[in-house]
Amino acid sequence: MKVLITGSNGFVGKNLIAHLAERADIEVIPFTREDSVSRLQELVRDADFVFHLAGVNRPQTPEEFITGNTDLTQALCDAIVASGKLTPVLYTSSSQAELDNPYGSSKRGAESALLALKEQHNSPVYLFRLPNVFGKWSRPNYNSAVATFCHNIIHDLPIQINDPEALINLVYIDDVIAQFVATMDGPLSNELFVNVEPQYRITVGALAEQLRAFRNSRSSLITEPVGAGLVRALYATYVSYLPPASFTYGVPKYADPRGTFVEMLKTRDSGQFSYFTAHPGVTRGGHYHHSKTEKFLVIRGKACFRFRHILSGEYYELFTTGDEPEIVETVTGWTHDITNIGDEEMIVMLWANEVFDRLRPDTYARPVGIQA
């Protein structure tokens, strides 16, 4: 299947091409600003589907809105008619097509050309009136406030907010591309105007605050809830603006004669992740918790875990190695320790269900003692 993409060097075009490149059944035909409009007839003849992403949103003069949006779309429609094929066209319009401004008017003009193509030539047409699209490869100070804020916050540059309570509507680039590809493969409905879901609403002030929280998490180690929804999408976008020199950052490391202890990540409601080392023969722990629980995973070495109930005195021990991954979970009311019984340094990953609080550590020293 040959797919023509106008505006293939743009933000949306780059993401679309990256996704289509993962499929062996797609051949992309690119069309960029450097190509002459006269080439469209040649390119359309070979195309089985057209993603019409090209357009102008920041022109030097208002007249460029018409040439870059309405006139270019009309030229594409004329090329399809001349080809004699019923080539489907997916067009990225804008939510501003509903507004009475030069940009919105030029987008409505483009939509009208495509509607005429559908009615007079029977080519399938899919119109996407997109709100603000954000994601990786969006240009700062051009495509969206999200891109500008990400770039500036990462590079310690100021951001300008005129009204922190102003609401913006957002769609994430991966959701846009997923809907594009689904439409190409077989439209989910016969609707002329296609919506991308989910759509998000956030104030400009809250957006800036969230992006700053991503930056601050490197020092606090407290991660934001980045696993779902808008925060997930914003985080994926934020990190895409990190320069290679910022791909790494340091975390606290505490060392003593027993080995080292390193904190990696903290959460607001699901504890923290760390790791520690122990030299051969070293025992760590020797304490109990009333409410805190922990999970241990030996990554390298050999370990003996010992437990003793603080009331009954019941004793239990077990052995794990890095060769056979096995989670060991501490239980409230049992004092416990871990000993490196191997000949090499032991490395152990640790998750605790709460972030360590020095004022209320819920950690009480009590030796496990020797089994009777």
Protein backbone atom coordinates (compact mmCIF):
# COMPACT_ATOMS: atom_id res chain seq x y z
CA MET A 1 0.00 0.00 0.00
CA LYS A 2 1.44 3.35 -1.07
CA VAL A 3 0.65 6.26 1.24
CA LEU A 4 1.17 9.89 0.27
CA ILE A 5 1.92 12.19 3.22
CA THR A 6 1.90 15.93 2.61
CA GLY A 7 3.74 17.86 5.27
CA SER A 8 5.86 14.80 5.93
CA ASN A 9 8.64 16.83 7.57
CA GLY A 10 6.28 18.39 10.10
CA PHE A 11 5.61 17.41 13.68
CA VAL A 12 2.64 15.15 12.93
CA GLY A 13 4.20 13.86 9.71
CA LYS A 14 7.39 12.71 11.42
CA ASN A 15 5.44 10.79 14.04
CA LEU A 16 3.16 9.24 11.44
CA ILE A 17 6.09 8.12 9.32
CA ALA A 18 7.81 6.60 12.36
CA HIS A 19 4.72 4.49 13.09
CA LEU A 20 4.14 3.48 9.47
CA ALA A 21 7.81 2.45 9.15
CA GLU A 22 7.05 -0.35 11.62
CA ARG A 23 4.78 -1.97 9.03
CA ALA A 24 6.11 -3.98 6.10
CA ASP A 25 2.95 -3.41 4.03
CA ILE A 26 3.29 0.39 3.79
CA GLU A 27 5.39 2.47 1.39
CA VAL A 28 5.46 6.19 2.20
CA ILE A 29 5.48 8.84 -0.52
CA PRO A 30 6.65 12.09 1.12
CA PHE A 31 5.67 15.62 0.07
CA THR A 32 7.38 18.57 1.80
CA ARG A 33 7.64 22.35 1.53
CA GLU A 34 10.57 21.88 -0.83
CA ASP A 35 8.37 20.04 -3.36
CA SER A 36 6.53 21.93 -6.08
CA VAL A 37 2.73 21.79 -5.99
CA SER A 38 2.91 20.64 -9.61
CA ARG A 39 4.36 17.31 -8.37
CA LEU A 40 1.10 16.42 -6.68
CA GLN A 41 -0.44 14.96 -9.84
CA GLU A 42 2.50 12.61 -10.27
CA LEU A 43 2.52 11.58 -6.62
CA VAL A 44 -1.25 11.10 -6.36
CA ARG A 45 -1.28 8.70 -9.32
CA ASP A 46 0.76 6.21 -7.25
CA ALA A 47 -1.00 6.73 -3.93
CA ASP A 48 -3.60 4.41 -2.40
CA PHE A 49 -4.25 6.75 0.55
CA VAL A 50 -3.43 10.39 1.28
CA PHE A 51 -2.64 11.93 4.66
CA HIS A 52 -2.94 15.64 3.98
CA LEU A 53 -1.03 17.14 6.88
CA ALA A 54 0.61 20.10 5.14
CA GLY A 55 -0.50 23.57 6.08
CA VAL A 56 0.49 26.98 7.31
CA ASN A 57 -0.20 28.24 10.83
CA ARG A 58 2.48 30.88 11.36
CA PRO A 59 2.79 32.77 8.06
CA GLN A 60 4.73 35.92 7.26
CA THR A 61 1.57 37.46 5.80
CA PRO A 62 -2.15 36.56 6.22
CA GLU A 63 -2.32 35.73 2.50
CA GLU A 64 -0.09 32.72 3.12
CA PHE A 65 -2.94 31.14 5.09
CA ILE A 66 -4.89 30.89 1.83
CA THR A 67 -2.03 29.64 -0.34
CA GLY A 68 -0.71 27.20 2.27
CA ASN A 69 -4.06 25.80 3.40
CA THR A 70 -6.95 26.42 1.00
CA ASP A 71 -5.07 26.61 -2.32
CA LEU A 72 -2.78 23.65 -1.56
CA THR A 73 -5.78 21.51 -0.61
CA GLN A 74 -7.59 22.50 -3.80
CA ALA A 75 -4.52 21.51 -5.82
CA LEU A 76 -4.51 18.12 -4.08
CA CYS A 77 -8.19 17.64 -4.87
CA ASP A 78 -7.61 18.57 -8.52
CA ALA A 79 -4.77 16.05 -8.72
CA ILE A 80 -7.02 13.29 -7.35
CA VAL A 81 -9.74 14.10 -9.87
CA ALA A 82 -7.16 14.11 -12.68
CA SER A 83 -5.89 10.69 -11.59
CA GLY A 84 -9.33 9.17 -12.07
CA LYS A 85 -8.91 7.26 -8.80
CA LEU A 86 -11.15 7.38 -5.73
CA THR A 87 -8.23 7.97 -3.42
CA PRO A 88 -9.21 8.43 0.25
CA VAL A 89 -7.97 11.62 1.92
CA LEU A 90 -7.47 12.21 5.64
CA TYR A 91 -7.07 15.90 6.41
CA THR A 92 -5.73 17.55 9.56
CA SER A 93 -7.94 20.56 9.94
CA SER A 94 -8.14 22.52 13.18
CA SER A 95 -10.63 23.28 15.90
CA GLN A 96 -10.12 26.89 14.82
CA ALA A 97 -12.02 26.14 11.60
CA GLU A 98 -15.06 27.03 13.68
CA LEU A 99 -13.67 30.52 14.40
CA ASP A 100 -13.81 33.66 12.30
CA ASN A 101 -10.11 34.40 11.90
CA PRO A 102 -7.73 34.17 8.90
CA TYR A 103 -6.34 30.80 9.95
CA GLY A 104 -9.76 29.30 10.70
CA SER A 105 -11.17 30.65 7.43
CA SER A 106 -8.34 29.09 5.43
CA LYS A 107 -8.95 25.74 7.13
CA ARG A 108 -12.67 25.94 6.37
CA GLY A 109 -11.77 26.68 2.76
CA ALA A 110 -9.65 23.54 2.67
CA GLU A 111 -12.49 21.53 4.19
CA SER A 112 -14.88 22.87 1.54
CA ALA A 113 -12.55 21.73 -1.24
CA LEU A 114 -12.44 18.25 0.24
CA LEU A 115 -16.21 18.16 0.73
CA ALA A 116 -16.62 18.98 -2.94
CA LEU A 117 -14.18 16.19 -3.81
CA LYS A 118 -16.28 13.75 -1.80
CA GLU A 119 -19.59 14.90 -3.28
CA GLN A 120 -18.50 15.29 -6.90
CA HIS A 121 -15.82 12.59 -7.21
CA ASN A 122 -16.87 10.11 -4.49
CA SER A 123 -13.42 10.01 -2.89
CA PRO A 124 -13.67 9.09 0.80
CA VAL A 125 -12.76 12.09 2.97
CA TYR A 126 -11.99 12.16 6.71
CA LEU A 127 -11.70 15.52 8.44
CA PHE A 128 -9.92 15.83 11.78
CA ARG A 129 -10.55 19.16 13.50
CA LEU A 130 -7.70 18.78 15.93
CA PRO A 131 -7.20 20.87 19.06
CA ASN A 132 -3.66 21.47 20.34
CA VAL A 133 -1.55 18.41 19.55
CA PHE A 134 1.46 17.71 21.75
CA GLY A 135 4.16 15.07 21.84
CA LYS A 136 7.73 14.33 20.85
CA TRP A 137 9.31 16.32 17.99
CA SER A 138 6.92 19.25 18.30
CA ARG A 139 8.83 22.50 17.71
CA PRO A 140 9.20 24.89 20.65
CA ASN A 141 7.89 28.41 20.02
CA TYR A 142 5.96 27.10 17.03
CA ASN A 143 3.70 24.05 17.40
CA SER A 144 2.34 24.27 20.93
CA ALA A 145 2.69 25.73 24.40
CA VAL A 146 3.55 22.25 25.69
CA ALA A 147 6.61 22.10 23.44
CA THR A 148 7.71 25.60 24.43
CA PHE A 149 7.22 24.99 28.15
CA CYS A 150 9.08 21.64 28.03
CA HIS A 151 12.03 23.14 26.17
CA ASN A 152 12.28 26.22 28.38
CA ILE A 153 11.88 24.43 31.71
CA ILE A 154 14.51 21.85 30.81
CA HIS A 155 16.94 24.59 29.74
CA ASP A 156 16.15 26.86 32.73
CA LEU A 157 14.60 29.50 30.50
CA PRO A 158 11.61 31.63 31.57
CA ILE A 159 8.12 30.83 30.34
CA GLN A 160 5.47 33.43 29.69
CA ILE A 161 1.98 32.90 31.09
CA ASN A 162 -0.54 35.65 30.51
CA ASP A 163 -3.49 33.94 32.21
CA PRO A 164 -2.70 30.90 34.37
CA GLU A 165 -6.42 30.02 34.55
CA ALA A 166 -6.86 29.88 30.77
CA LEU A 167 -7.97 26.41 29.63
CA ILE A 168 -6.37 24.60 26.72
CA ASN A 169 -7.64 21.49 24.95
CA LEU A 170 -5.01 18.89 24.17
CA VAL A 171 -4.65 15.64 22.26
CA TYR A 172 -1.56 13.44 22.45
CA ILE A 173 0.32 12.65 19.26
CA ASP A 174 0.26 8.87 19.79
CA ASP A 175 -3.53 8.95 20.15
CA VAL A 176 -3.76 11.05 16.98
CA ILE A 177 -1.59 8.64 15.02
CA ALA A 178 -3.50 5.62 16.33
CA GLN A 179 -6.75 7.11 15.04
CA PHE A 180 -5.13 8.03 11.72
CA VAL A 181 -3.88 4.49 11.17
CA ALA A 182 -7.21 2.98 12.22
CA THR A 183 -8.97 5.22 9.70
CA MET A 184 -6.55 4.21 6.95
CA ASP A 185 -6.94 0.51 7.73
CA GLY A 186 -10.72 0.74 7.73
CA PRO A 187 -12.74 3.61 9.18
CA LEU A 188 -14.52 2.80 12.40
CA SER A 189 -17.52 4.83 11.24
CA ASN A 190 -18.80 6.72 8.24
CA GLU A 191 -18.65 10.07 10.02
CA LEU A 192 -17.13 12.86 7.96
CA PHE A 193 -15.65 14.61 10.98
CA VAL A 194 -13.53 12.26 13.08
CA ASN A 195 -12.60 12.97 16.69
CA VAL A 196 -9.47 11.86 18.47
CA GLU A 197 -9.95 10.51 21.98
CA PRO A 198 -9.08 11.04 24.69
CA GLN A 199 -9.02 14.82 24.76
CA TYR A 200 -7.63 16.60 27.80
CA ARG A 201 -8.36 19.99 29.35
CA ILE A 202 -5.88 21.71 31.63
CA THR A 203 -5.16 25.27 32.66
CA VAL A 204 -1.97 26.89 31.45
CA GLY A 205 -0.85 27.33 35.05
CA ALA A 206 -1.45 23.68 35.92
CA LEU A 207 0.42 22.61 32.79
CA ALA A 208 3.48 24.62 33.78
CA GLU A 209 3.27 23.31 37.36
CA GLN A 210 3.14 19.71 36.15
CA LEU A 211 6.16 20.13 33.88
CA ARG A 212 8.13 21.77 36.68
CA ALA A 213 7.25 18.80 38.90
CA PHE A 214 8.86 16.50 36.32
CA ARG A 215 12.03 18.59 36.50
CA ASN A 216 12.04 18.65 40.31
CA SER A 217 11.57 14.88 40.55
CA ARG A 218 15.21 14.38 39.67
CA SER A 219 16.27 16.03 42.91
CA SER A 220 13.42 14.90 45.17
CA LEU A 221 13.31 11.41 43.59
CA ILE A 222 9.51 11.61 43.96
CA THR A 223 7.97 10.55 40.68
CA GLU A 224 4.70 11.92 39.40
CA PRO A 225 1.86 9.43 38.57
CA VAL A 226 3.20 8.91 35.05
CA GLY A 227 1.55 5.58 34.28
CA ALA A 228 -1.69 6.71 32.67
CA GLY A 229 -3.65 9.55 31.10
CA LEU A 230 -2.50 13.11 30.59
CA VAL A 231 0.40 12.91 33.05
CA ARG A 232 1.80 9.88 31.21
CA ALA A 233 1.58 11.67 27.87
CA LEU A 234 3.07 14.89 29.24
CA TYR A 235 5.97 13.01 30.83
CA ALA A 236 6.77 11.16 27.60
CA THR A 237 6.73 14.53 25.86
CA TYR A 238 8.82 16.26 28.53
CA VAL A 239 11.67 13.74 28.47
CA SER A 240 11.79 13.89 24.65
CA TYR A 241 13.22 17.41 24.99
CA LEU A 242 16.12 16.32 27.20
CA PRO A 243 19.49 16.84 25.48
CA PRO A 244 21.75 13.76 25.49
CA ALA A 245 23.95 15.33 28.16
CA SER A 246 20.92 15.24 30.48
CA PHE A 247 19.98 11.61 29.92
CA THR A 248 21.59 10.78 33.28
CA TYR A 249 21.38 12.24 36.78
CA GLY A 250 22.86 11.31 40.14
CA VAL A 251 21.03 9.79 43.10
CA PRO A 252 22.04 9.62 46.79
CA LYS A 253 24.53 6.95 47.79
CA TYR A 254 25.29 6.03 51.40
CA ALA A 255 28.32 3.90 52.21
CA ASP A 256 29.62 2.27 55.39
CA PRO A 257 31.82 -0.76 56.14
CA ARG A 258 28.91 -3.13 55.36
CA GLY A 259 28.44 -1.86 51.78
CA THR A 260 26.36 0.81 50.06
CA PHE A 261 22.72 1.89 50.01
CA VAL A 262 21.30 3.80 47.02
CA GLU A 263 17.85 5.36 46.69
CA MET A 264 16.47 5.27 43.15
CA LEU A 265 12.82 6.35 43.04
CA LYS A 266 10.08 7.50 45.40
CA THR A 267 6.32 7.68 44.85
CA ARG A 268 3.65 9.75 46.58
CA ASP A 269 1.50 6.75 47.55
CA SER A 270 3.30 3.51 46.70
CA GLY A 271 6.60 3.64 48.51
CA GLN A 272 10.12 3.80 47.17
CA PHE A 273 12.74 1.73 45.32
CA SER A 274 16.34 1.30 46.40
CA TYR A 275 19.20 -1.14 46.25
CA PHE A 276 21.99 -2.06 48.62
CA THR A 277 25.18 -4.10 48.62
CA ALA A 278 26.74 -6.27 51.31
CA HIS A 279 30.26 -7.64 51.50
CA PRO A 280 30.76 -11.38 52.16
CA GLY A 281 29.75 -12.34 55.70
CA VAL A 282 27.97 -9.02 56.33
CA THR A 283 24.53 -8.98 57.93
CA ARG A 284 22.13 -6.09 57.34
CA GLY A 285 18.82 -5.39 59.03
CA GLY A 286 18.03 -6.66 62.47
CA HIS A 287 14.83 -4.67 62.95
CA TYR A 288 11.06 -4.98 62.72
CA HIS A 289 8.14 -2.83 61.52
CA HIS A 290 4.60 -2.36 62.77
CA SER A 291 3.10 -1.30 59.42
CA LYS A 292 5.88 -0.95 56.87
CA THR A 293 6.41 -3.84 54.46
CA GLU A 294 9.30 -4.52 52.10
CA LYS A 295 10.10 -6.72 49.14
CA PHE A 296 13.68 -7.89 48.54
CA LEU A 297 15.14 -9.31 45.34
CA VAL A 298 18.72 -10.61 45.34
CA ILE A 299 20.26 -9.54 42.02
CA ARG A 300 23.72 -10.99 42.62
CA GLY A 301 25.15 -13.24 45.29
CA LYS A 302 23.78 -15.61 47.92
CA ALA A 303 21.59 -14.55 50.83
CA CYS A 304 20.22 -15.97 54.04
CA PHE A 305 17.07 -14.24 55.31
CA ARG A 306 16.18 -14.78 58.97
CA PHE A 307 12.91 -13.92 60.72
CA ARG A 308 11.76 -14.08 64.35
CA HIS A 309 8.28 -13.19 65.64
CA ILE A 310 8.65 -10.43 68.23
CA LEU A 311 6.00 -11.96 70.56
CA SER A 312 6.06 -15.72 70.09
CA GLY A 313 9.76 -16.02 69.25
CA GLU A 314 8.94 -18.27 66.27
CA TYR A 315 11.99 -18.48 63.99
CA TYR A 316 12.25 -18.97 60.24
CA GLU A 317 15.07 -18.73 57.71
CA LEU A 318 15.34 -19.07 53.96
CA PHE A 319 17.99 -18.83 51.24
CA THR A 320 17.92 -17.09 47.85
CA THR A 321 20.46 -16.37 45.11
CA GLY A 322 20.77 -14.03 42.17
CA ASP A 323 20.67 -17.05 39.87
CA GLU A 324 17.05 -17.85 40.79
CA PRO A 325 15.02 -14.63 41.09
CA GLU A 326 12.72 -14.84 44.09
CA ILE A 327 10.93 -12.10 46.03
CA VAL A 328 11.29 -12.18 49.80
CA GLU A 329 8.66 -10.13 51.64
CA THR A 330 9.03 -8.90 55.19
CA VAL A 331 6.03 -9.33 57.47
CA THR A 332 4.92 -6.89 60.14
CA GLY A 333 5.73 -7.99 63.66
CA TRP A 334 8.67 -10.16 62.59
CA THR A 335 12.20 -8.88 63.13
CA HIS A 336 14.41 -9.78 60.17
CA ASP A 337 17.90 -9.58 58.72
CA ILE A 338 19.80 -10.63 55.60
CA THR A 339 23.31 -12.08 55.46
CA ASN A 340 25.64 -12.41 52.51
CA ILE A 341 26.66 -16.08 52.69
CA GLY A 342 28.52 -16.05 49.38
CA ASP A 343 32.08 -15.22 48.35
CA GLU A 344 31.27 -12.09 46.30
CA GLU A 345 29.57 -8.79 46.94
CA MET A 346 25.81 -9.20 47.18
CA ILE A 347 23.44 -6.78 45.42
CA VAL A 348 19.82 -6.59 46.55
CA MET A 349 16.91 -4.59 45.13
CA LEU A 350 14.49 -3.27 47.72
CA TRP A 351 10.95 -1.88 47.55
CA ALA A 352 9.31 -0.41 50.64
CA ASN A 353 5.61 0.39 50.62
CA GLU A 354 6.18 3.87 52.06
CA VAL A 355 8.78 6.58 51.63
CA PHE A 356 11.21 6.63 54.54
CA ASP A 357 10.25 9.26 57.12
CA ARG A 358 13.06 10.06 59.56
CA LEU A 359 10.57 11.45 62.07
CA ARG A 360 8.38 8.32 61.94
CA PRO A 361 10.60 5.58 60.50
CA ASP A 362 8.54 2.61 61.82
CA THR A 363 11.85 0.76 62.14
CA TYR A 364 12.78 -0.73 65.52
CA ALA A 365 16.09 -2.44 66.20
CA ARG A 366 15.91 -5.99 67.52
CA PRO A 367 18.46 -8.72 66.71
CA VAL A 368 17.01 -11.88 65.22
CA GLY A 369 19.31 -13.92 67.38
CA ILE A 370 20.54 -17.45 66.93
CA GLN A 371 18.07 -20.23 66.33
CA ALA A 372 17.57 -22.27 69.51
